[in-house]
N, C-alpha and C. Protein backbone atom coordinates (compact mmCIF):
# COMPACT_ATOMS: atom_id res chain seq x y z
N MET A 1 7.39 9.58 16.64
CA MET A 1 7.75 9.78 15.23
C MET A 1 8.37 11.08 15.07
N ARG A 2 9.48 11.08 14.25
CA ARG A 2 10.02 12.33 13.89
C ARG A 2 9.07 13.10 12.77
N PRO A 3 9.27 14.35 12.83
CA PRO A 3 8.37 15.03 11.79
C PRO A 3 8.60 14.46 10.29
N VAL A 4 7.58 14.26 9.51
CA VAL A 4 7.61 13.65 8.31
C VAL A 4 7.49 14.91 7.25
N PRO A 5 8.54 15.25 6.50
CA PRO A 5 8.44 16.30 5.57
C PRO A 5 7.57 16.15 4.48
N ILE A 6 6.77 17.17 3.92
CA ILE A 6 6.05 17.04 2.78
C ILE A 6 7.16 16.84 1.62
N GLY A 7 6.75 16.01 0.80
CA GLY A 7 7.68 15.65 -0.34
C GLY A 7 8.44 14.38 -0.10
N ALA A 8 8.54 13.84 1.19
CA ALA A 8 9.16 12.56 1.43
C ALA A 8 8.67 11.57 0.43
N GLN A 9 9.59 10.67 -0.08
CA GLN A 9 9.21 9.68 -1.08
C GLN A 9 9.63 8.34 -0.72
N GLY A 10 9.04 7.31 -1.33
CA GLY A 10 9.32 5.92 -1.17
C GLY A 10 8.88 5.13 -2.49
N SER A 11 9.45 4.07 -2.70
CA SER A 11 9.06 3.21 -3.77
C SER A 11 9.11 1.68 -3.39
N TYR A 12 8.44 0.94 -4.24
CA TYR A 12 8.32 -0.53 -4.07
C TYR A 12 8.28 -1.21 -5.41
N SER A 13 9.10 -2.15 -5.71
CA SER A 13 9.03 -2.89 -7.02
C SER A 13 8.63 -4.36 -6.84
N LEU A 14 8.01 -4.89 -7.84
CA LEU A 14 7.48 -6.23 -7.82
C LEU A 14 7.61 -6.84 -9.24
N LEU A 15 8.00 -8.08 -9.39
CA LEU A 15 7.95 -8.82 -10.62
C LEU A 15 6.57 -9.52 -10.62
N VAL A 16 5.78 -9.22 -11.69
CA VAL A 16 4.40 -9.79 -11.74
C VAL A 16 4.55 -11.26 -12.03
N ALA A 17 4.08 -12.07 -11.08
CA ALA A 17 4.04 -13.53 -11.20
C ALA A 17 2.59 -14.01 -11.24
N PRO A 18 2.42 -15.32 -11.54
CA PRO A 18 1.20 -15.97 -11.61
C PRO A 18 0.26 -15.61 -10.45
N GLU A 19 0.71 -15.60 -9.16
CA GLU A 19 -0.13 -15.32 -8.06
C GLU A 19 -0.58 -13.88 -7.86
N HIS A 20 -0.12 -13.05 -8.71
CA HIS A 20 -0.43 -11.61 -8.76
C HIS A 20 -1.52 -11.30 -9.83
N LEU A 21 -2.14 -12.23 -10.54
CA LEU A 21 -2.85 -11.96 -11.62
C LEU A 21 -4.34 -11.91 -11.27
N ALA A 22 -5.05 -10.99 -12.06
CA ALA A 22 -6.53 -10.81 -11.79
C ALA A 22 -7.31 -12.17 -12.02
N SER A 23 -6.86 -12.90 -12.88
CA SER A 23 -7.55 -14.28 -13.05
C SER A 23 -7.48 -15.16 -11.78
N GLN A 24 -6.60 -14.85 -10.79
CA GLN A 24 -6.43 -15.61 -9.68
C GLN A 24 -7.43 -15.05 -8.75
N PHE A 25 -7.76 -13.83 -8.75
CA PHE A 25 -8.65 -13.22 -7.62
C PHE A 25 -10.13 -13.22 -8.05
N LYS A 26 -10.50 -13.10 -9.23
CA LYS A 26 -11.86 -12.93 -9.62
C LYS A 26 -12.38 -13.77 -10.65
N ASP A 27 -11.96 -13.54 -11.83
CA ASP A 27 -12.49 -14.30 -13.03
C ASP A 27 -11.43 -15.13 -13.78
N PRO A 28 -11.48 -16.35 -13.85
CA PRO A 28 -10.38 -17.09 -14.47
C PRO A 28 -10.44 -17.00 -15.96
N MET A 29 -11.37 -16.28 -16.51
CA MET A 29 -11.44 -16.08 -17.92
C MET A 29 -10.68 -14.81 -18.23
N LEU A 30 -10.15 -14.07 -17.34
CA LEU A 30 -9.46 -12.84 -17.66
C LEU A 30 -7.95 -13.27 -18.29
N PRO A 31 -7.41 -12.41 -19.06
CA PRO A 31 -6.16 -12.69 -19.57
C PRO A 31 -5.13 -12.53 -18.36
N PRO A 32 -3.86 -13.01 -18.52
CA PRO A 32 -2.86 -12.94 -17.42
C PRO A 32 -2.43 -11.55 -17.27
N VAL A 33 -3.12 -10.72 -16.47
CA VAL A 33 -2.52 -9.39 -16.22
C VAL A 33 -2.70 -9.06 -14.78
N LEU A 34 -1.93 -8.22 -14.21
CA LEU A 34 -1.79 -7.73 -12.85
C LEU A 34 -3.23 -7.34 -12.32
N SER A 35 -3.49 -7.84 -11.18
CA SER A 35 -4.72 -7.51 -10.43
C SER A 35 -4.55 -6.13 -9.84
N THR A 36 -5.75 -5.36 -9.70
CA THR A 36 -5.78 -4.15 -9.05
C THR A 36 -5.38 -4.32 -7.54
N PRO A 37 -5.88 -5.30 -6.86
CA PRO A 37 -5.47 -5.37 -5.42
C PRO A 37 -3.95 -5.46 -5.22
N VAL A 38 -3.26 -6.08 -6.10
CA VAL A 38 -1.86 -6.18 -6.02
C VAL A 38 -1.13 -4.98 -6.27
N MET A 39 -1.68 -4.26 -7.28
CA MET A 39 -1.20 -2.91 -7.72
C MET A 39 -1.32 -2.01 -6.56
N ILE A 40 -2.44 -2.00 -5.86
CA ILE A 40 -2.74 -1.11 -4.63
C ILE A 40 -1.78 -1.61 -3.46
N MET A 41 -1.39 -2.82 -3.32
CA MET A 41 -0.51 -3.36 -2.24
C MET A 41 0.80 -2.73 -2.61
N ALA A 42 1.30 -2.71 -3.80
CA ALA A 42 2.67 -2.04 -4.12
C ALA A 42 2.63 -0.59 -3.79
N MET A 43 1.52 0.13 -4.14
CA MET A 43 1.42 1.66 -3.71
C MET A 43 1.45 1.71 -2.24
N GLU A 44 0.73 1.00 -1.45
CA GLU A 44 0.83 1.03 0.01
C GLU A 44 2.27 0.68 0.55
N ASN A 45 2.94 -0.21 -0.09
CA ASN A 45 4.26 -0.56 0.40
C ASN A 45 5.22 0.64 0.04
N ALA A 46 5.02 1.32 -1.09
CA ALA A 46 5.84 2.53 -1.30
C ALA A 46 5.44 3.73 -0.38
N ALA A 47 4.37 3.79 -0.02
CA ALA A 47 3.97 4.75 1.08
C ALA A 47 4.76 4.59 2.42
N LEU A 48 4.55 3.26 2.79
CA LEU A 48 5.29 2.86 4.10
C LEU A 48 6.75 3.10 3.95
N ALA A 49 7.37 2.72 2.81
CA ALA A 49 8.80 3.10 2.58
C ALA A 49 9.08 4.44 2.77
N ALA A 50 8.21 5.38 2.38
CA ALA A 50 8.50 6.87 2.56
C ALA A 50 8.46 7.25 4.03
N LEU A 51 7.67 6.55 4.78
CA LEU A 51 7.57 6.82 6.29
C LEU A 51 8.63 6.21 7.15
N LYS A 52 9.19 5.06 6.77
CA LYS A 52 10.11 4.28 7.58
C LYS A 52 11.21 5.09 8.20
N PRO A 53 11.87 5.95 7.57
CA PRO A 53 13.03 6.71 8.16
C PRO A 53 12.48 7.60 9.28
N TYR A 54 11.36 7.86 9.35
CA TYR A 54 10.84 8.75 10.52
C TYR A 54 10.04 8.14 11.56
N LEU A 55 9.94 6.74 11.52
CA LEU A 55 9.30 6.03 12.48
C LEU A 55 10.13 5.72 13.75
N ALA A 56 9.42 5.95 14.94
CA ALA A 56 10.27 5.50 16.08
C ALA A 56 10.07 4.02 16.33
N PRO A 57 11.02 3.41 17.14
CA PRO A 57 10.86 2.00 17.44
C PRO A 57 9.44 1.73 18.06
N GLY A 58 8.82 0.57 17.60
CA GLY A 58 7.62 0.35 18.07
C GLY A 58 6.40 1.01 17.34
N GLU A 59 6.75 1.81 16.32
CA GLU A 59 5.68 2.44 15.49
C GLU A 59 5.57 1.90 14.16
N THR A 60 4.36 2.03 13.49
CA THR A 60 4.29 1.80 12.01
C THR A 60 3.09 2.45 11.68
N ALA A 61 2.69 2.31 10.41
CA ALA A 61 1.58 3.02 9.82
C ALA A 61 0.71 1.97 9.05
N VAL A 62 -0.64 2.17 9.24
CA VAL A 62 -1.44 1.24 8.62
C VAL A 62 -2.25 2.12 7.49
N GLY A 63 -2.63 1.33 6.49
CA GLY A 63 -3.57 1.91 5.28
C GLY A 63 -4.87 2.33 5.91
N SER A 64 -5.40 3.45 5.69
CA SER A 64 -6.64 3.84 6.21
C SER A 64 -7.69 4.40 5.01
N HIS A 65 -6.99 4.71 3.80
CA HIS A 65 -7.92 5.10 2.70
C HIS A 65 -7.11 4.89 1.50
N VAL A 66 -7.83 4.38 0.40
CA VAL A 66 -7.23 4.33 -0.91
C VAL A 66 -8.16 4.85 -1.97
N ASP A 67 -7.65 5.73 -2.89
CA ASP A 67 -8.37 6.15 -3.96
C ASP A 67 -7.60 6.14 -5.21
N VAL A 68 -7.51 5.13 -5.97
CA VAL A 68 -6.70 4.87 -7.18
C VAL A 68 -7.47 4.51 -8.29
N ARG A 69 -6.87 4.76 -9.51
CA ARG A 69 -7.46 4.28 -10.75
C ARG A 69 -6.33 3.29 -11.40
N HIS A 70 -6.87 2.16 -11.86
CA HIS A 70 -5.98 1.26 -12.57
C HIS A 70 -6.09 1.64 -14.04
N LEU A 71 -5.06 2.05 -14.66
CA LEU A 71 -5.08 2.75 -15.83
C LEU A 71 -4.67 1.79 -17.04
N ALA A 72 -3.85 0.86 -16.89
CA ALA A 72 -3.34 0.05 -18.09
C ALA A 72 -3.07 -1.39 -17.51
N ALA A 73 -3.27 -2.27 -18.43
CA ALA A 73 -2.80 -3.77 -18.01
C ALA A 73 -1.38 -4.02 -18.04
N THR A 74 -0.90 -4.83 -17.16
CA THR A 74 0.51 -5.31 -17.13
C THR A 74 0.65 -6.79 -17.11
N PRO A 75 1.21 -7.35 -18.22
CA PRO A 75 1.40 -8.79 -18.36
C PRO A 75 2.30 -9.48 -17.28
N VAL A 76 2.12 -10.81 -17.09
CA VAL A 76 3.00 -11.57 -16.18
C VAL A 76 4.42 -11.38 -16.71
N GLY A 77 5.38 -11.31 -15.76
CA GLY A 77 6.80 -11.27 -16.12
C GLY A 77 7.35 -9.82 -16.21
N ARG A 78 6.50 -8.87 -16.08
CA ARG A 78 6.96 -7.49 -16.20
C ARG A 78 7.09 -6.98 -14.80
N ARG A 79 8.09 -6.14 -14.53
CA ARG A 79 8.33 -5.48 -13.22
C ARG A 79 7.58 -4.24 -13.08
N ILE A 80 6.79 -4.16 -12.08
CA ILE A 80 6.14 -2.81 -11.71
C ILE A 80 6.82 -2.06 -10.54
N THR A 81 6.73 -0.78 -10.60
CA THR A 81 7.41 0.08 -9.56
C THR A 81 6.39 0.96 -9.12
N ALA A 82 5.99 1.04 -7.85
CA ALA A 82 4.95 2.00 -7.27
C ALA A 82 5.91 3.05 -6.57
N HIS A 83 5.43 4.31 -6.77
CA HIS A 83 6.03 5.45 -5.94
C HIS A 83 4.90 6.21 -5.04
N ALA A 84 5.47 6.69 -4.02
CA ALA A 84 4.50 7.44 -3.15
C ALA A 84 5.30 8.68 -2.69
N GLU A 85 4.54 9.79 -2.50
CA GLU A 85 5.05 11.14 -2.06
C GLU A 85 4.08 11.73 -0.99
N VAL A 86 4.66 12.04 0.08
CA VAL A 86 3.89 12.58 1.16
C VAL A 86 3.34 14.10 0.66
N THR A 87 1.95 14.21 0.83
CA THR A 87 1.42 15.51 0.46
C THR A 87 0.86 16.18 1.64
N GLY A 88 0.63 15.43 2.74
CA GLY A 88 0.05 16.07 3.90
C GLY A 88 0.32 15.23 5.21
N VAL A 89 0.39 15.95 6.40
CA VAL A 89 0.55 15.31 7.62
C VAL A 89 -0.40 16.07 8.52
N GLU A 90 -1.38 15.32 9.22
CA GLU A 90 -2.28 15.93 9.99
C GLU A 90 -2.38 15.03 11.30
N GLY A 91 -1.65 15.34 12.37
CA GLY A 91 -1.75 14.33 13.46
C GLY A 91 -1.10 13.08 13.12
N ARG A 92 -1.86 11.98 13.38
CA ARG A 92 -1.45 10.66 13.06
C ARG A 92 -1.67 10.23 11.63
N ARG A 93 -2.32 11.10 10.93
CA ARG A 93 -2.80 10.83 9.41
C ARG A 93 -1.81 11.46 8.34
N ILE A 94 -1.26 10.58 7.45
CA ILE A 94 -0.30 10.96 6.51
C ILE A 94 -0.90 10.71 5.14
N THR A 95 -1.00 11.67 4.24
CA THR A 95 -1.52 11.40 2.91
C THR A 95 -0.39 11.51 1.91
N PHE A 96 -0.62 10.78 0.78
CA PHE A 96 0.34 10.56 -0.18
C PHE A 96 -0.48 10.74 -1.63
N THR A 97 0.34 11.17 -2.62
CA THR A 97 0.02 10.81 -4.00
C THR A 97 0.77 9.51 -4.32
N VAL A 98 0.13 8.57 -5.05
CA VAL A 98 0.75 7.33 -5.39
C VAL A 98 0.55 7.16 -6.94
N ARG A 99 1.53 6.41 -7.45
CA ARG A 99 1.46 6.09 -8.87
C ARG A 99 2.19 4.71 -9.06
N ALA A 100 2.02 4.03 -10.12
CA ALA A 100 2.67 2.80 -10.49
C ALA A 100 3.02 2.85 -11.92
N THR A 101 4.13 2.25 -12.32
CA THR A 101 4.47 2.09 -13.75
C THR A 101 4.94 0.70 -13.97
N ASP A 102 5.01 0.35 -15.19
CA ASP A 102 5.38 -0.98 -15.58
C ASP A 102 6.68 -0.92 -16.53
N GLY A 103 7.29 0.25 -16.48
CA GLY A 103 8.44 0.38 -17.47
C GLY A 103 8.06 1.01 -18.79
N ASP A 104 6.91 0.79 -19.21
CA ASP A 104 6.35 1.46 -20.50
C ASP A 104 5.56 2.52 -20.34
N GLU A 105 4.70 2.45 -19.24
CA GLU A 105 3.68 3.45 -19.01
C GLU A 105 3.21 3.46 -17.60
N GLU A 106 2.43 4.58 -17.22
CA GLU A 106 1.77 4.54 -16.02
C GLU A 106 0.57 3.74 -15.98
N ILE A 107 0.62 2.76 -15.07
CA ILE A 107 -0.53 1.83 -14.93
C ILE A 107 -1.58 2.11 -13.87
N GLY A 108 -1.21 3.06 -12.95
CA GLY A 108 -2.12 3.44 -11.86
C GLY A 108 -1.74 4.71 -11.16
N ALA A 109 -2.83 5.44 -10.70
CA ALA A 109 -2.36 6.71 -10.01
C ALA A 109 -3.64 7.00 -9.14
N GLY A 110 -3.22 7.78 -8.03
CA GLY A 110 -4.44 8.32 -7.15
C GLY A 110 -3.74 8.80 -5.78
N THR A 111 -4.47 8.54 -4.68
CA THR A 111 -4.14 9.11 -3.39
C THR A 111 -4.24 7.88 -2.35
N HIS A 112 -3.50 8.08 -1.22
CA HIS A 112 -3.61 7.13 -0.31
C HIS A 112 -3.32 7.67 1.11
N GLU A 113 -3.91 7.21 2.21
CA GLU A 113 -3.75 7.62 3.46
C GLU A 113 -3.28 6.54 4.40
N ARG A 114 -2.39 6.81 5.34
CA ARG A 114 -1.94 5.97 6.27
C ARG A 114 -2.07 6.59 7.69
N ALA A 115 -2.30 5.74 8.75
CA ALA A 115 -2.34 6.23 10.15
C ALA A 115 -1.33 5.63 10.86
N LEU A 116 -0.66 6.52 11.71
CA LEU A 116 0.53 6.15 12.49
C LEU A 116 -0.11 5.31 13.74
N ILE A 117 0.53 4.20 14.02
CA ILE A 117 0.03 3.41 15.18
C ILE A 117 1.27 2.92 16.05
N ASP A 118 0.90 2.66 17.32
CA ASP A 118 1.88 2.12 18.31
C ASP A 118 1.54 0.69 18.26
N LEU A 119 2.52 -0.14 17.99
CA LEU A 119 2.28 -1.60 17.71
C LEU A 119 1.84 -2.21 19.00
N GLN A 120 2.43 -1.88 20.26
CA GLN A 120 1.98 -2.44 21.43
C GLN A 120 0.62 -2.23 21.69
N ARG A 121 0.15 -1.01 21.67
CA ARG A 121 -1.29 -0.53 21.83
C ARG A 121 -2.20 -1.36 20.84
N PHE A 122 -1.78 -1.38 19.60
CA PHE A 122 -2.54 -2.00 18.58
C PHE A 122 -2.74 -3.38 18.86
N ALA A 123 -1.74 -4.15 19.33
CA ALA A 123 -1.73 -5.55 19.64
C ALA A 123 -2.66 -5.72 20.86
N ALA A 124 -2.68 -4.91 21.77
CA ALA A 124 -3.40 -5.02 23.02
C ALA A 124 -5.01 -4.83 22.65
N GLN A 125 -5.17 -3.80 21.81
CA GLN A 125 -6.64 -3.64 21.33
C GLN A 125 -7.11 -4.86 20.52
N LEU A 126 -6.28 -5.39 19.71
CA LEU A 126 -6.72 -6.54 18.94
C LEU A 126 -6.96 -7.71 19.82
N ALA A 127 -5.96 -7.94 20.78
CA ALA A 127 -6.17 -9.13 21.68
C ALA A 127 -7.57 -8.99 22.52
N GLN A 128 -7.91 -7.89 22.90
CA GLN A 128 -9.13 -7.51 23.54
C GLN A 128 -10.35 -7.85 22.63
N LYS A 129 -10.26 -7.41 21.49
CA LYS A 129 -11.29 -7.70 20.48
C LYS A 129 -11.50 -9.22 20.25
N VAL A 130 -10.43 -9.82 20.03
CA VAL A 130 -10.31 -11.38 19.80
C VAL A 130 -10.95 -12.10 21.16
N SER A 131 -10.55 -11.67 22.27
CA SER A 131 -11.07 -12.38 23.42
C SER A 131 -12.55 -12.10 23.71
N GLY A 132 -13.08 -11.12 23.10
CA GLY A 132 -14.54 -10.89 23.10
C GLY A 132 -15.36 -11.71 22.13
N TYR A 133 -14.73 -12.32 21.26
CA TYR A 133 -15.53 -13.24 20.36
C TYR A 133 -15.96 -14.51 21.10
N ALA A 134 -17.19 -15.02 20.78
CA ALA A 134 -17.71 -16.22 21.39
C ALA A 134 -16.85 -17.33 20.75
N LYS A 135 -16.42 -18.24 21.65
CA LYS A 135 -15.67 -19.41 21.29
C LYS A 135 -16.72 -20.49 20.67
N PRO A 136 -16.44 -21.27 19.57
CA PRO A 136 -17.37 -22.28 19.13
C PRO A 136 -17.38 -23.49 20.05
């Protein structure tokens, strides 16, 4: 990986659809509003977008920590945009401030951490783990 500069930024947008609603994940009685897990997914995608220009072939970064607050409800049909900014780099760990808006207001904010991985090594470790499971 090339050095990632503090301040590198990325974004990710999503049109809120029925499959993104809180009522689909937890409680069908909830009104049709964006779920927290989908907001977090958008924030993680924004962080990955900030890193992509610096990744070498065969590298990516996986989420390792999320600390966010969901601040406001977003109805179906509204576009959300998540933003991420690199705030620290320590070895393989990259930290970000993240936030999300829905055009009218900030709907979420917090911090996120990703860990740089080598995809070949990751796949080999996963294959070893899977092969260790007892077959039914």
